[in-house]
């Protein structure tokens, strides 16, 4: 009987924790560019502004499709000899203790032998380098606010090239990991305490 009640309690506790935001991430931005219009020097993005230079929206149905099977994707060095900067139209709030995980796929330019660099800026920044023939691979950048008042930030992708041949960007996803909820942590603590007391009484 003791083992059965312990199992039931632990099951309920695990379900409560999994249902809480302590472990869950919330996707606040997801974009694979497949609903966009194929075009060189494209500026009509649903989720992004081109704030400097130019980018090309390519791929799919043979339109400069250097890596078939990936739908539409962005050439970050557009056809004006001025590499582009993409900035999210949305701003994202962050409080002390919160974390954000940015996930995106990045490929080499597939045409020019020079490695290219992409700088990603949120609260902090990171630089990502890919060689010419590199296929799409998942890249990840985390940011966390350690203290201070609430802030907002945007996601910014900046390319460093200037030869119409740039890194290829696809499948961008921003995931919000809120600060652990005190109530869920209290539930965990009280549950473990109750479990300990029950075990002690049974000895």
N, C-alpha and C. Protein backbone atom coordinates (compact mmCIF):
# COMPACT_ATOMS: atom_id res chain seq x y z
N UNK A 1 0.83 -1.21 0.00
CA UNK A 1 0.00 0.00 0.00
C UNK A 1 0.86 1.24 0.00
N UNK A 2 1.94 1.20 0.83
CA UNK A 2 2.84 2.35 0.89
C UNK A 2 3.45 2.62 -0.48
N UNK A 3 3.89 1.57 -1.19
CA UNK A 3 4.51 1.75 -2.49
C UNK A 3 3.51 2.30 -3.51
N UNK A 4 2.25 1.87 -3.41
CA UNK A 4 1.23 2.34 -4.33
C UNK A 4 0.95 3.82 -4.13
N UNK A 5 0.81 4.24 -2.87
CA UNK A 5 0.52 5.65 -2.61
C UNK A 5 1.70 6.52 -2.99
N UNK A 6 2.91 6.02 -2.78
CA UNK A 6 4.10 6.76 -3.18
C UNK A 6 4.14 6.94 -4.69
N UNK A 7 3.81 5.87 -5.42
CA UNK A 7 3.80 5.94 -6.88
C UNK A 7 2.78 6.96 -7.37
N UNK A 8 1.57 6.94 -6.77
CA UNK A 8 0.52 7.88 -7.17
C UNK A 8 0.96 9.31 -6.92
N UNK A 9 1.55 9.55 -5.74
CA UNK A 9 1.97 10.91 -5.40
C UNK A 9 3.05 11.40 -6.38
N UNK A 10 4.04 10.57 -6.64
CA UNK A 10 5.12 10.96 -7.54
C UNK A 10 4.58 11.20 -8.95
N UNK A 11 3.62 10.39 -9.38
CA UNK A 11 3.03 10.57 -10.71
C UNK A 11 2.32 11.91 -10.80
N UNK A 12 1.55 12.26 -9.77
CA UNK A 12 0.85 13.55 -9.75
C UNK A 12 1.84 14.70 -9.75
N UNK A 13 2.89 14.57 -8.96
CA UNK A 13 3.91 15.61 -8.87
C UNK A 13 4.60 15.80 -10.22
N UNK A 14 4.97 14.72 -10.87
CA UNK A 14 5.63 14.83 -12.17
C UNK A 14 4.71 15.47 -13.20
N UNK A 15 3.42 15.10 -13.18
CA UNK A 15 2.48 15.69 -14.12
C UNK A 15 2.36 17.20 -13.89
N UNK A 16 2.30 17.61 -12.62
CA UNK A 16 2.16 19.03 -12.31
C UNK A 16 3.38 19.81 -12.79
N UNK A 17 4.56 19.24 -12.62
CA UNK A 17 5.77 19.93 -13.04
C UNK A 17 5.87 20.00 -14.55
N UNK A 18 5.50 18.92 -15.22
CA UNK A 18 5.56 18.93 -16.68
C UNK A 18 4.53 19.88 -17.27
N UNK A 19 3.42 20.08 -16.58
CA UNK A 19 2.39 20.98 -17.06
C UNK A 19 2.69 22.43 -16.77
N UNK A 20 3.70 22.68 -15.95
CA UNK A 20 4.03 24.05 -15.57
C UNK A 20 5.10 24.61 -16.49
N UNK A 21 5.29 25.93 -16.48
CA UNK A 21 6.32 26.54 -17.32
C UNK A 21 7.74 26.32 -16.83
N UNK A 22 7.92 25.58 -15.73
CA UNK A 22 9.27 25.37 -15.22
C UNK A 22 10.13 24.67 -16.27
N UNK A 23 9.55 23.65 -16.90
CA UNK A 23 10.31 22.89 -17.88
C UNK A 23 9.95 23.23 -19.32
N UNK A 24 8.81 23.88 -19.50
CA UNK A 24 8.31 24.11 -20.86
C UNK A 24 8.92 25.36 -21.47
N UNK A 25 9.09 25.33 -22.79
CA UNK A 25 9.47 26.51 -23.55
C UNK A 25 8.30 26.92 -24.43
N UNK A 26 8.18 28.20 -24.67
CA UNK A 26 7.08 28.74 -25.46
C UNK A 26 7.65 29.31 -26.75
N UNK A 27 7.23 28.79 -27.89
CA UNK A 27 7.69 29.30 -29.18
C UNK A 27 6.99 30.62 -29.47
N UNK A 28 7.76 31.70 -29.57
CA UNK A 28 7.18 33.03 -29.78
C UNK A 28 7.44 33.55 -31.19
N UNK A 29 8.31 32.89 -31.93
CA UNK A 29 8.57 33.24 -33.33
C UNK A 29 9.00 31.99 -34.07
N UNK A 30 8.34 31.71 -35.20
CA UNK A 30 8.70 30.56 -36.01
C UNK A 30 8.52 30.94 -37.47
N UNK A 31 9.57 30.81 -38.27
CA UNK A 31 9.51 31.26 -39.65
C UNK A 31 10.42 30.40 -40.52
N UNK A 32 9.81 29.72 -41.51
CA UNK A 32 10.62 28.96 -42.48
C UNK A 32 10.63 29.62 -43.86
N UNK A 33 10.01 30.81 -43.96
CA UNK A 33 10.02 31.64 -45.17
C UNK A 33 9.24 31.03 -46.34
N UNK A 34 8.57 29.89 -46.14
CA UNK A 34 7.94 29.22 -47.26
C UNK A 34 6.69 29.93 -47.78
N UNK A 35 6.14 30.85 -47.00
CA UNK A 35 4.96 31.59 -47.47
C UNK A 35 5.34 32.88 -48.19
N UNK A 36 6.64 33.14 -48.30
CA UNK A 36 7.10 34.39 -48.92
C UNK A 36 7.21 34.25 -50.44
N UNK A 37 7.39 35.37 -51.11
CA UNK A 37 7.50 35.42 -52.57
C UNK A 37 8.96 35.31 -53.01
N UNK A 38 9.25 34.40 -53.92
CA UNK A 38 10.60 34.26 -54.44
C UNK A 38 10.99 35.52 -55.19
N UNK A 39 12.06 36.18 -54.73
CA UNK A 39 12.44 37.44 -55.38
C UNK A 39 13.84 37.85 -54.93
N UNK A 40 14.62 38.39 -55.87
CA UNK A 40 15.90 39.00 -55.52
C UNK A 40 15.64 40.35 -54.86
N UNK A 41 16.51 40.70 -53.93
CA UNK A 41 16.37 41.96 -53.19
C UNK A 41 14.97 42.09 -52.58
N UNK A 42 14.60 41.06 -51.85
CA UNK A 42 13.24 40.94 -51.31
C UNK A 42 13.11 41.75 -50.02
N UNK A 43 11.99 42.45 -49.89
CA UNK A 43 11.73 43.25 -48.68
C UNK A 43 10.35 43.00 -48.09
N UNK A 44 9.61 42.04 -48.62
CA UNK A 44 8.22 41.86 -48.20
C UNK A 44 8.00 40.83 -47.11
N UNK A 45 8.98 40.58 -46.27
CA UNK A 45 8.86 39.55 -45.24
C UNK A 45 7.71 39.84 -44.26
N UNK A 46 7.03 38.79 -43.85
CA UNK A 46 5.96 38.93 -42.87
C UNK A 46 6.49 39.26 -41.48
N UNK A 47 7.65 38.71 -41.12
CA UNK A 47 8.14 38.83 -39.75
C UNK A 47 9.42 39.65 -39.62
N UNK A 48 9.94 40.18 -40.74
CA UNK A 48 11.26 40.81 -40.71
C UNK A 48 11.27 42.09 -41.52
N UNK A 49 12.09 43.04 -41.08
CA UNK A 49 12.42 44.22 -41.86
C UNK A 49 13.87 44.10 -42.35
N UNK A 50 14.11 44.50 -43.58
CA UNK A 50 15.49 44.59 -44.09
C UNK A 50 15.96 46.00 -43.76
N UNK A 51 16.83 46.13 -42.77
CA UNK A 51 17.20 47.45 -42.26
C UNK A 51 18.51 47.97 -42.84
N UNK A 52 19.23 47.14 -43.57
CA UNK A 52 20.46 47.58 -44.24
C UNK A 52 20.75 46.61 -45.37
N UNK A 53 21.40 47.12 -46.43
CA UNK A 53 21.78 46.26 -47.54
C UNK A 53 20.59 45.57 -48.18
N UNK A 54 20.79 44.36 -48.65
CA UNK A 54 19.72 43.61 -49.31
C UNK A 54 19.90 42.12 -49.09
N UNK A 55 18.80 41.40 -49.20
CA UNK A 55 18.80 39.94 -49.13
C UNK A 55 17.95 39.42 -50.28
N UNK A 56 18.18 38.16 -50.66
CA UNK A 56 17.40 37.51 -51.70
C UNK A 56 16.58 36.39 -51.08
N UNK A 57 15.33 36.24 -51.51
CA UNK A 57 14.50 35.12 -51.10
C UNK A 57 14.53 34.11 -52.24
N UNK A 58 15.22 33.00 -52.04
CA UNK A 58 15.50 32.05 -53.12
C UNK A 58 15.11 30.64 -52.71
N UNK A 59 15.46 29.67 -53.57
CA UNK A 59 15.13 28.27 -53.33
C UNK A 59 13.76 27.93 -53.88
N UNK A 60 13.48 26.66 -54.01
CA UNK A 60 12.19 26.13 -54.42
C UNK A 60 11.95 26.34 -55.91
N UNK A 61 11.53 25.29 -56.56
CA UNK A 61 11.17 25.29 -57.98
C UNK A 61 12.26 25.87 -58.87
N UNK A 62 13.51 25.63 -58.50
CA UNK A 62 14.62 26.02 -59.36
C UNK A 62 15.03 27.47 -59.31
N UNK A 63 14.43 28.27 -58.44
CA UNK A 63 14.78 29.68 -58.37
C UNK A 63 16.03 29.83 -57.50
N UNK A 64 17.20 29.75 -58.15
CA UNK A 64 18.49 29.78 -57.44
C UNK A 64 18.46 28.80 -56.27
N UNK A 65 17.99 27.59 -56.54
CA UNK A 65 17.83 26.60 -55.48
C UNK A 65 19.11 25.79 -55.34
N UNK A 66 20.01 26.28 -54.52
CA UNK A 66 21.32 25.65 -54.35
C UNK A 66 21.26 24.41 -53.46
N UNK A 67 20.25 24.32 -52.61
CA UNK A 67 20.09 23.17 -51.72
C UNK A 67 18.64 22.69 -51.81
N UNK A 68 18.29 21.96 -52.87
CA UNK A 68 16.91 21.52 -53.07
C UNK A 68 16.38 20.71 -51.89
N UNK A 69 15.08 20.83 -51.70
CA UNK A 69 14.43 20.09 -50.63
C UNK A 69 14.26 20.89 -49.36
N UNK A 70 14.68 22.14 -49.35
CA UNK A 70 14.58 22.96 -48.15
C UNK A 70 13.56 24.10 -48.30
N UNK A 71 12.75 24.05 -49.35
CA UNK A 71 11.78 25.11 -49.54
C UNK A 71 12.48 26.43 -49.82
N UNK A 72 11.84 27.53 -49.41
CA UNK A 72 12.43 28.85 -49.60
C UNK A 72 13.39 29.16 -48.45
N UNK A 73 14.43 29.93 -48.76
CA UNK A 73 15.38 30.36 -47.74
C UNK A 73 15.99 31.69 -48.17
N UNK A 74 16.73 32.30 -47.26
CA UNK A 74 17.23 33.66 -47.47
C UNK A 74 18.72 33.63 -47.76
N UNK A 75 19.11 34.24 -48.88
CA UNK A 75 20.52 34.53 -49.14
C UNK A 75 20.81 35.87 -48.49
N UNK A 76 21.64 35.85 -47.45
CA UNK A 76 21.85 37.05 -46.63
C UNK A 76 22.71 38.12 -47.29
N UNK A 77 23.28 37.83 -48.45
CA UNK A 77 24.03 38.84 -49.20
C UNK A 77 23.32 39.02 -50.53
N UNK A 78 22.40 39.99 -50.59
CA UNK A 78 21.52 40.16 -51.74
C UNK A 78 22.24 40.63 -52.98
N UNK A 79 21.47 40.95 -53.99
CA UNK A 79 22.00 41.21 -55.33
C UNK A 79 22.35 42.68 -55.57
N UNK A 80 22.74 43.40 -54.52
CA UNK A 80 23.12 44.81 -54.68
C UNK A 80 24.57 45.07 -54.28
N UNK A 81 25.30 43.97 -53.99
CA UNK A 81 26.67 44.10 -53.48
C UNK A 81 26.74 44.75 -52.10
N UNK A 82 25.63 44.74 -51.39
CA UNK A 82 25.60 45.22 -50.01
C UNK A 82 24.88 44.17 -49.18
N UNK A 83 25.63 43.47 -48.33
CA UNK A 83 25.05 42.39 -47.53
C UNK A 83 23.94 42.93 -46.64
N UNK A 84 22.98 42.06 -46.34
CA UNK A 84 21.77 42.51 -45.68
C UNK A 84 21.76 42.33 -44.17
N UNK A 85 20.81 43.05 -43.56
CA UNK A 85 20.49 42.90 -42.15
C UNK A 85 18.99 42.68 -42.02
N UNK A 86 18.62 41.58 -41.38
CA UNK A 86 17.22 41.29 -41.08
C UNK A 86 16.96 41.57 -39.61
N UNK A 87 15.91 42.34 -39.33
CA UNK A 87 15.52 42.65 -37.96
C UNK A 87 14.07 42.24 -37.75
N UNK A 88 13.81 41.52 -36.68
CA UNK A 88 12.43 41.08 -36.42
C UNK A 88 11.51 42.28 -36.25
N UNK A 89 10.32 42.16 -36.82
CA UNK A 89 9.34 43.23 -36.65
C UNK A 89 8.83 43.28 -35.22
N UNK A 90 8.74 42.14 -34.59
CA UNK A 90 8.26 42.06 -33.21
C UNK A 90 9.40 42.30 -32.23
N UNK A 91 9.06 42.90 -31.10
CA UNK A 91 9.97 43.00 -29.96
C UNK A 91 9.53 41.99 -28.91
N UNK A 92 10.49 41.47 -28.16
CA UNK A 92 10.20 40.41 -27.21
C UNK A 92 10.57 40.85 -25.80
N UNK A 93 9.65 40.71 -24.84
CA UNK A 93 9.93 41.13 -23.47
C UNK A 93 10.77 40.11 -22.72
N UNK A 94 11.58 40.59 -21.81
CA UNK A 94 12.38 39.69 -20.99
C UNK A 94 12.53 40.28 -19.60
N UNK A 95 12.31 39.44 -18.60
CA UNK A 95 12.43 39.83 -17.20
C UNK A 95 13.62 39.12 -16.57
N UNK A 96 14.02 39.58 -15.41
CA UNK A 96 15.16 38.97 -14.71
C UNK A 96 14.90 37.48 -14.51
N UNK A 97 15.86 36.68 -14.91
CA UNK A 97 15.76 35.23 -14.78
C UNK A 97 15.26 34.53 -16.03
N UNK A 98 14.59 35.26 -16.93
CA UNK A 98 14.09 34.66 -18.17
C UNK A 98 15.24 34.31 -19.11
N UNK A 99 14.99 33.32 -19.94
CA UNK A 99 15.94 32.94 -20.99
C UNK A 99 15.21 32.80 -22.31
N UNK A 100 15.93 33.08 -23.38
CA UNK A 100 15.44 32.83 -24.73
C UNK A 100 16.45 31.96 -25.47
N UNK A 101 15.92 31.04 -26.25
CA UNK A 101 16.75 30.17 -27.09
C UNK A 101 16.40 30.47 -28.55
N UNK A 102 17.39 30.88 -29.32
CA UNK A 102 17.21 31.12 -30.75
C UNK A 102 17.79 29.93 -31.50
N UNK A 103 16.98 29.34 -32.35
CA UNK A 103 17.40 28.21 -33.18
C UNK A 103 17.20 28.59 -34.63
N UNK A 104 18.18 28.33 -35.47
CA UNK A 104 18.06 28.61 -36.89
C UNK A 104 19.01 27.70 -37.67
N UNK A 105 18.72 27.53 -38.95
CA UNK A 105 19.55 26.70 -39.81
C UNK A 105 20.34 27.60 -40.75
N UNK A 106 21.62 27.30 -40.87
CA UNK A 106 22.52 28.14 -41.66
C UNK A 106 23.37 27.25 -42.56
N UNK A 107 23.48 27.65 -43.83
CA UNK A 107 24.29 26.90 -44.81
C UNK A 107 25.31 27.83 -45.44
N UNK A 108 26.37 27.23 -45.99
CA UNK A 108 27.35 28.00 -46.74
C UNK A 108 26.74 28.57 -48.01
N UNK A 109 27.46 29.48 -48.64
CA UNK A 109 26.89 30.18 -49.80
C UNK A 109 26.76 29.30 -51.05
N UNK A 110 27.46 28.17 -51.10
CA UNK A 110 27.38 27.19 -52.19
C UNK A 110 27.99 27.67 -53.50
N UNK A 111 28.63 28.87 -53.53
CA UNK A 111 29.13 29.43 -54.79
C UNK A 111 30.52 30.02 -54.68
N UNK A 112 30.82 30.66 -53.59
CA UNK A 112 32.07 31.40 -53.44
C UNK A 112 32.94 30.67 -52.43
N UNK A 113 34.22 30.56 -52.70
CA UNK A 113 35.11 29.76 -51.85
C UNK A 113 35.39 30.40 -50.50
N UNK A 114 35.08 31.67 -50.34
CA UNK A 114 35.38 32.35 -49.08
C UNK A 114 34.36 31.98 -48.00
N UNK A 115 34.81 31.64 -46.78
CA UNK A 115 33.86 31.48 -45.68
C UNK A 115 33.17 32.81 -45.39
N UNK A 116 31.92 32.74 -44.96
CA UNK A 116 31.16 33.93 -44.63
C UNK A 116 30.77 33.90 -43.16
N UNK A 117 30.47 35.10 -42.63
CA UNK A 117 30.08 35.22 -41.24
C UNK A 117 28.72 35.88 -41.11
N UNK A 118 27.97 35.42 -40.13
CA UNK A 118 26.68 36.01 -39.78
C UNK A 118 26.72 36.36 -38.30
N UNK A 119 26.36 37.60 -37.98
CA UNK A 119 26.29 38.02 -36.58
C UNK A 119 24.82 38.08 -36.17
N UNK A 120 24.53 37.47 -35.03
CA UNK A 120 23.17 37.45 -34.51
C UNK A 120 23.16 38.25 -33.21
N UNK A 121 22.23 39.20 -33.14
CA UNK A 121 22.15 40.06 -31.97
C UNK A 121 20.76 39.95 -31.35
N UNK A 122 20.74 39.71 -30.03
CA UNK A 122 19.51 39.80 -29.25
C UNK A 122 19.84 40.74 -28.08
N UNK A 123 19.89 40.21 -26.84
CA UNK A 123 20.47 41.01 -25.75
C UNK A 123 21.99 40.97 -25.86
N UNK A 124 22.50 39.80 -26.17
CA UNK A 124 23.92 39.65 -26.49
C UNK A 124 24.04 39.34 -27.96
N UNK A 125 25.22 38.90 -28.37
CA UNK A 125 25.41 38.59 -29.79
C UNK A 125 26.31 37.38 -29.94
N UNK A 126 26.24 36.78 -31.10
CA UNK A 126 27.09 35.65 -31.44
C UNK A 126 27.42 35.69 -32.92
N UNK A 127 28.56 35.14 -33.29
CA UNK A 127 29.01 35.13 -34.68
C UNK A 127 29.11 33.68 -35.16
N UNK A 128 28.57 33.44 -36.35
CA UNK A 128 28.51 32.09 -36.90
C UNK A 128 29.19 32.10 -38.28
N UNK A 129 30.10 31.16 -38.49
CA UNK A 129 30.86 31.07 -39.74
C UNK A 129 30.54 29.75 -40.43
N UNK A 130 30.30 29.82 -41.74
CA UNK A 130 30.06 28.61 -42.53
C UNK A 130 30.90 28.67 -43.79
N UNK A 131 31.43 27.53 -44.19
CA UNK A 131 32.24 27.43 -45.41
C UNK A 131 31.35 27.19 -46.62
N UNK A 132 31.94 27.35 -47.78
CA UNK A 132 31.21 27.35 -49.04
C UNK A 132 30.19 26.23 -49.16
N UNK A 133 30.60 24.98 -49.03
CA UNK A 133 29.72 23.85 -49.35
C UNK A 133 29.01 23.28 -48.12
N UNK A 134 29.05 23.97 -47.01
CA UNK A 134 28.35 23.48 -45.82
C UNK A 134 26.85 23.44 -46.07
N UNK A 135 26.24 22.32 -45.73
CA UNK A 135 24.79 22.17 -45.84
C UNK A 135 24.12 22.88 -44.67
N UNK A 136 22.80 22.96 -44.72
CA UNK A 136 22.07 23.55 -43.61
C UNK A 136 22.35 22.76 -42.33
N UNK A 137 22.68 23.47 -41.26
CA UNK A 137 22.92 22.85 -39.96
C UNK A 137 22.33 23.75 -38.88
N UNK A 138 21.83 23.11 -37.84
CA UNK A 138 21.20 23.85 -36.75
C UNK A 138 22.23 24.66 -35.98
N UNK A 139 21.90 25.93 -35.73
CA UNK A 139 22.72 26.82 -34.92
C UNK A 139 21.84 27.29 -33.74
N UNK A 140 22.45 27.50 -32.59
CA UNK A 140 21.70 27.87 -31.40
C UNK A 140 22.39 29.00 -30.66
N UNK A 141 21.61 29.95 -30.18
CA UNK A 141 22.13 31.04 -29.36
C UNK A 141 21.17 31.26 -28.20
N UNK A 142 21.71 31.27 -26.97
CA UNK A 142 20.91 31.50 -25.77
C UNK A 142 21.22 32.88 -25.21
N UNK A 143 20.20 33.53 -24.68
CA UNK A 143 20.41 34.75 -23.90
C UNK A 143 19.60 34.64 -22.62
N UNK A 144 20.13 35.20 -21.55
CA UNK A 144 19.43 35.22 -20.26
C UNK A 144 19.64 36.57 -19.60
N UNK A 145 18.57 37.07 -19.00
CA UNK A 145 18.66 38.33 -18.26
C UNK A 145 18.87 37.99 -16.79
N UNK A 146 20.00 38.44 -16.25
CA UNK A 146 20.37 38.06 -14.89
C UNK A 146 19.76 38.97 -13.83
N UNK A 147 19.40 40.20 -14.19
CA UNK A 147 18.84 41.11 -13.21
C UNK A 147 18.40 42.40 -13.87
N UNK A 148 17.94 43.34 -13.04
CA UNK A 148 17.53 44.63 -13.55
C UNK A 148 16.07 44.66 -13.98
N UNK A 149 15.62 45.82 -14.45
CA UNK A 149 14.21 45.98 -14.83
C UNK A 149 13.89 45.23 -16.12
N UNK A 150 12.60 45.02 -16.40
CA UNK A 150 12.20 44.38 -17.66
C UNK A 150 12.72 45.14 -18.87
N UNK A 151 13.01 44.40 -19.94
CA UNK A 151 13.49 44.99 -21.19
C UNK A 151 12.76 44.34 -22.36
N UNK A 152 12.98 44.88 -23.53
CA UNK A 152 12.56 44.22 -24.77
C UNK A 152 13.75 44.16 -25.72
N UNK A 153 13.70 43.24 -26.64
CA UNK A 153 14.78 43.13 -27.63
C UNK A 153 14.20 42.64 -28.94
N UNK A 154 14.96 42.80 -30.02
CA UNK A 154 14.62 42.24 -31.31
C UNK A 154 15.70 41.25 -31.73
N UNK A 155 15.36 40.37 -32.64
CA UNK A 155 16.32 39.43 -33.21
C UNK A 155 16.87 40.04 -34.49
N UNK A 156 18.19 40.13 -34.59
CA UNK A 156 18.83 40.77 -35.74
C UNK A 156 19.88 39.84 -36.33
N UNK A 157 19.76 39.58 -37.63
CA UNK A 157 20.76 38.82 -38.38
C UNK A 157 21.51 39.80 -39.29
N UNK A 158 22.83 39.85 -39.15
CA UNK A 158 23.64 40.78 -39.96
C UNK A 158 24.73 40.00 -40.68
N UNK A 159 24.79 40.16 -42.00
CA UNK A 159 25.82 39.48 -42.80
C UNK A 159 27.00 40.43 -43.03
N UNK A 160 28.19 39.86 -43.20
CA UNK A 160 29.39 40.71 -43.32
C UNK A 160 29.91 40.79 -44.75
N UNK A 161 29.23 40.19 -45.71
CA UNK A 161 29.76 40.14 -47.08
C UNK A 161 29.40 41.37 -47.90
N UNK A 162 29.70 41.29 -49.19
CA UNK A 162 29.39 42.39 -50.10
C UNK A 162 29.65 42.01 -51.53
N UNK A 163 29.35 40.73 -51.88
CA UNK A 163 29.66 40.25 -53.23
C UNK A 163 28.48 39.51 -53.86
N UNK A 164 27.28 39.72 -53.33
CA UNK A 164 26.06 39.08 -53.85
C UNK A 164 26.01 37.58 -53.57
N UNK A 165 26.91 37.07 -52.77
CA UNK A 165 26.98 35.64 -52.48
C UNK A 165 27.08 35.48 -50.97
N UNK A 166 26.00 35.05 -50.33
CA UNK A 166 26.00 35.03 -48.88
C UNK A 166 25.57 33.73 -48.27
N UNK A 167 25.64 33.67 -46.95
CA UNK A 167 25.15 32.53 -46.21
C UNK A 167 23.65 32.39 -46.40
N UNK A 168 23.17 31.16 -46.29
CA UNK A 168 21.75 30.86 -46.50
C UNK A 168 21.09 30.59 -45.15
N UNK A 169 19.99 31.29 -44.90
CA UNK A 169 19.30 31.24 -43.61
C UNK A 169 17.92 30.62 -43.78
N UNK A 170 17.55 29.74 -42.84
CA UNK A 170 16.24 29.09 -42.92
C UNK A 170 15.80 28.66 -41.53
N UNK A 171 14.51 28.42 -41.38
CA UNK A 171 13.88 27.81 -40.20
C UNK A 171 14.32 28.46 -38.90
N UNK A 172 13.87 29.67 -38.72
CA UNK A 172 14.20 30.45 -37.52
C UNK A 172 13.13 30.20 -36.46
N UNK A 173 13.57 29.97 -35.23
CA UNK A 173 12.63 29.72 -34.14
C UNK A 173 13.18 30.36 -32.86
N UNK A 174 12.35 31.16 -32.21
CA UNK A 174 12.71 31.78 -30.94
C UNK A 174 11.83 31.18 -29.86
N UNK A 175 12.45 30.65 -28.81
CA UNK A 175 11.74 29.94 -27.75
C UNK A 175 11.97 30.67 -26.42
N UNK A 176 10.88 30.98 -25.75
CA UNK A 176 10.91 31.70 -24.47
C UNK A 176 10.88 30.70 -23.33
N UNK A 177 11.85 30.83 -22.43
CA UNK A 177 11.91 30.01 -21.22
C UNK A 177 11.75 30.94 -20.03
N UNK A 178 10.52 31.07 -19.50
CA UNK A 178 10.30 32.02 -18.40
C UNK A 178 10.99 31.58 -17.13
N UNK A 179 11.17 32.54 -16.22
CA UNK A 179 11.74 32.23 -14.92
C UNK A 179 10.85 31.20 -14.25
N UNK A 180 11.42 30.20 -13.54
CA UNK A 180 10.58 29.16 -12.91
C UNK A 180 9.50 29.76 -12.02
N UNK A 181 8.30 29.18 -12.12
CA UNK A 181 7.16 29.68 -11.36
C UNK A 181 7.31 29.28 -9.89
N UNK A 182 7.27 30.23 -8.93
CA UNK A 182 7.43 29.90 -7.51
C UNK A 182 6.45 28.84 -7.04
N UNK A 183 5.21 28.88 -7.50
CA UNK A 183 4.21 27.92 -7.06
C UNK A 183 4.59 26.50 -7.43
N UNK A 184 5.16 26.32 -8.62
CA UNK A 184 5.55 24.98 -9.03
C UNK A 184 6.74 24.49 -8.22
N UNK A 185 7.66 25.40 -7.90
CA UNK A 185 8.80 25.01 -7.07
C UNK A 185 8.34 24.68 -5.65
N UNK A 186 7.33 25.46 -5.15
CA UNK A 186 6.79 25.17 -3.83
C UNK A 186 6.12 23.81 -3.82
N UNK A 187 5.40 23.48 -4.89
CA UNK A 187 4.77 22.17 -5.00
C UNK A 187 5.81 21.07 -4.95
N UNK A 188 6.91 21.25 -5.67
CA UNK A 188 7.98 20.26 -5.66
C UNK A 188 8.56 20.10 -4.27
N UNK A 189 8.85 21.22 -3.58
CA UNK A 189 9.45 21.15 -2.25
C UNK A 189 8.53 20.50 -1.24
N UNK A 190 7.26 20.91 -1.23
CA UNK A 190 6.31 20.35 -0.26
C UNK A 190 6.06 18.88 -0.56
N UNK A 191 6.05 18.53 -1.85
CA UNK A 191 5.84 17.13 -2.21
C UNK A 191 6.97 16.24 -1.74
N UNK A 192 8.20 16.71 -1.94
CA UNK A 192 9.34 15.92 -1.49
C UNK A 192 9.38 15.81 0.03
N UNK A 193 8.99 16.92 0.72
CA UNK A 193 8.94 16.88 2.19
C UNK A 193 7.91 15.89 2.66
N UNK A 194 6.72 15.89 2.07
CA UNK A 194 5.66 14.95 2.46
C UNK A 194 6.10 13.51 2.21
N UNK A 195 6.77 13.31 1.10
CA UNK A 195 7.25 11.97 0.78
C UNK A 195 8.27 11.51 1.80
N UNK A 196 9.14 12.44 2.21
CA UNK A 196 10.15 12.10 3.22
C UNK A 196 9.52 11.77 4.56
N UNK A 197 8.52 12.56 4.99
CA UNK A 197 7.85 12.31 6.26
C UNK A 197 7.10 11.00 6.23
N UNK A 198 6.43 10.69 5.12
CA UNK A 198 5.71 9.43 5.01
C UNK A 198 6.67 8.24 5.14
N UNK A 199 7.84 8.37 4.46
CA UNK A 199 8.82 7.30 4.53
C UNK A 199 9.35 7.15 5.95
N UNK A 200 9.53 8.28 6.66
CA UNK A 200 10.08 8.23 8.02
C UNK A 200 9.11 7.56 8.97
N UNK A 201 7.82 7.86 8.82
CA UNK A 201 6.80 7.27 9.72
C UNK A 201 6.71 5.77 9.51
N UNK A 202 6.99 5.32 8.29
CA UNK A 202 6.83 3.89 8.00
C UNK A 202 8.01 3.07 8.50
N UNK A 203 9.09 3.73 8.97
CA UNK A 203 10.28 3.00 9.41
C UNK A 203 10.11 2.46 10.81
